[in-house]
Protein backbone atom coordinates (compact mmCIF):
# COMPACT_ATOMS: atom_id res chain seq x y z
CA UNK A 1 9.47 -12.65 10.23
CA UNK A 2 11.70 -13.11 7.37
CA UNK A 3 11.48 -11.38 4.20
CA UNK A 4 9.79 -14.62 2.28
CA UNK A 5 7.22 -14.49 5.28
CA UNK A 6 6.51 -10.97 5.10
CA UNK A 7 6.17 -11.34 0.99
CA UNK A 8 3.62 -13.97 2.14
CA UNK A 9 1.91 -12.02 4.49
CA UNK A 10 1.58 -8.91 2.05
CA UNK A 11 0.69 -11.23 -1.15
CA UNK A 12 -2.36 -12.88 0.91
CA UNK A 13 -3.62 -9.73 2.00
CA UNK A 14 -3.43 -7.49 -1.09
CA UNK A 15 -1.65 -9.78 -4.09
CA UNK A 16 -3.80 -10.27 -7.30
CA UNK A 17 -3.81 -6.80 -8.80
CA UNK A 18 -1.58 -4.63 -10.52
CA UNK A 19 -1.42 -2.14 -7.91
CA UNK A 20 -1.12 -4.42 -4.86
CA UNK A 21 1.76 -6.23 -6.53
CA UNK A 22 3.34 -3.27 -7.37
CA UNK A 23 3.10 -2.46 -3.19
CA UNK A 24 4.29 -5.37 -2.50
CA UNK A 25 7.28 -5.25 -5.06
CA UNK A 26 8.20 -1.83 -3.03
CA UNK A 27 7.98 -3.12 0.55
CA UNK A 28 9.87 -6.40 -0.20
CA UNK A 29 12.60 -4.44 -2.27
CA UNK A 30 12.55 -2.02 0.90
CA UNK A 31 12.07 -5.24 3.41
CA UNK A 32 15.38 -3.56 5.99
CA UNK A 33 16.62 -5.28 8.58
CA UNK A 34 15.14 -7.85 11.05
CA UNK A 35 12.78 -5.95 13.42
CA UNK A 36 12.68 -2.57 11.70
CA UNK A 37 10.97 -4.11 8.56
CA UNK A 38 7.36 -3.28 9.94
CA UNK A 39 8.20 0.36 10.66
CA UNK A 40 9.73 0.85 7.19
CA UNK A 41 6.69 -0.69 5.39
CA UNK A 42 4.42 1.39 7.68
CA UNK A 43 6.45 4.44 6.98
CA UNK A 44 6.00 3.63 2.93
CA UNK A 45 2.55 2.98 3.36
CA UNK A 46 1.49 5.99 4.97
CA UNK A 47 3.50 7.93 2.27
CA UNK A 48 1.45 6.24 -0.63
CA UNK A 49 -1.45 6.79 1.59
CA UNK A 50 -1.34 10.59 2.17
CA UNK A 51 -0.49 10.86 -1.61
CA UNK A 52 -3.44 8.91 -2.79
CA UNK A 53 -5.80 10.71 -0.51
CA UNK A 54 -4.71 13.81 -1.74
CA UNK A 55 -5.13 12.64 -5.39
CA UNK A 56 -8.63 11.26 -4.77
CA UNK A 57 -9.37 14.38 -2.70
CA UNK A 58 -8.51 16.75 -5.90
CA UNK A 59 -10.09 14.45 -8.54
CA UNK A 60 -13.47 14.52 -6.54
CA UNK A 61 -12.90 18.63 -6.58
CA UNK A 62 -12.33 18.58 -10.19
CA UNK A 63 -15.84 16.40 -10.56
CA UNK A 64 -13.84 13.35 -12.01
CA UNK A 65 -15.40 10.57 -9.93
CA UNK A 66 -14.06 8.05 -12.10
CA UNK A 67 -10.12 8.86 -11.18
CA UNK A 68 -11.29 9.63 -7.43
CA UNK A 69 -12.54 6.23 -7.31
CA UNK A 70 -9.43 4.57 -8.82
CA UNK A 71 -7.68 6.40 -6.21
CA UNK A 72 -9.97 5.15 -3.52
CA UNK A 73 -9.26 1.59 -4.49
CA UNK A 74 -5.86 2.23 -4.33
CA UNK A 75 -6.34 3.64 -0.72
CA UNK A 76 -8.31 0.17 0.33
CA UNK A 77 -5.13 -1.69 -1.13
CA UNK A 78 -2.61 0.20 1.04
CA UNK A 79 -5.07 -0.10 4.23
CA UNK A 80 -5.31 -3.71 3.83
CA UNK A 81 -1.47 -3.56 3.97
CA UNK A 82 -1.17 -1.79 7.01
CA UNK A 83 -3.62 -4.09 8.50
CA UNK A 84 -1.75 -6.96 7.28
CA UNK A 85 1.58 -6.05 8.93
CA UNK A 86 0.39 -4.01 12.02
């Protein structure tokens, strides 16, 4: 898959929101060499997912449902990106 094809797959899956576009920009900027792009992207997405889940949990424990819901929405975007490049 070329860098442009990779970007299109991600844009179709998660583009259109500020956070989705931020994730796409990060993954495309760190595309890496052919054949390894998917693993690089999966590693970056796994890192994001872990961070987001940690923040969601923290906000829920502190009783801040609005912030926790924001993190949950970001988690859904990252999970869609993972499915798109699987």
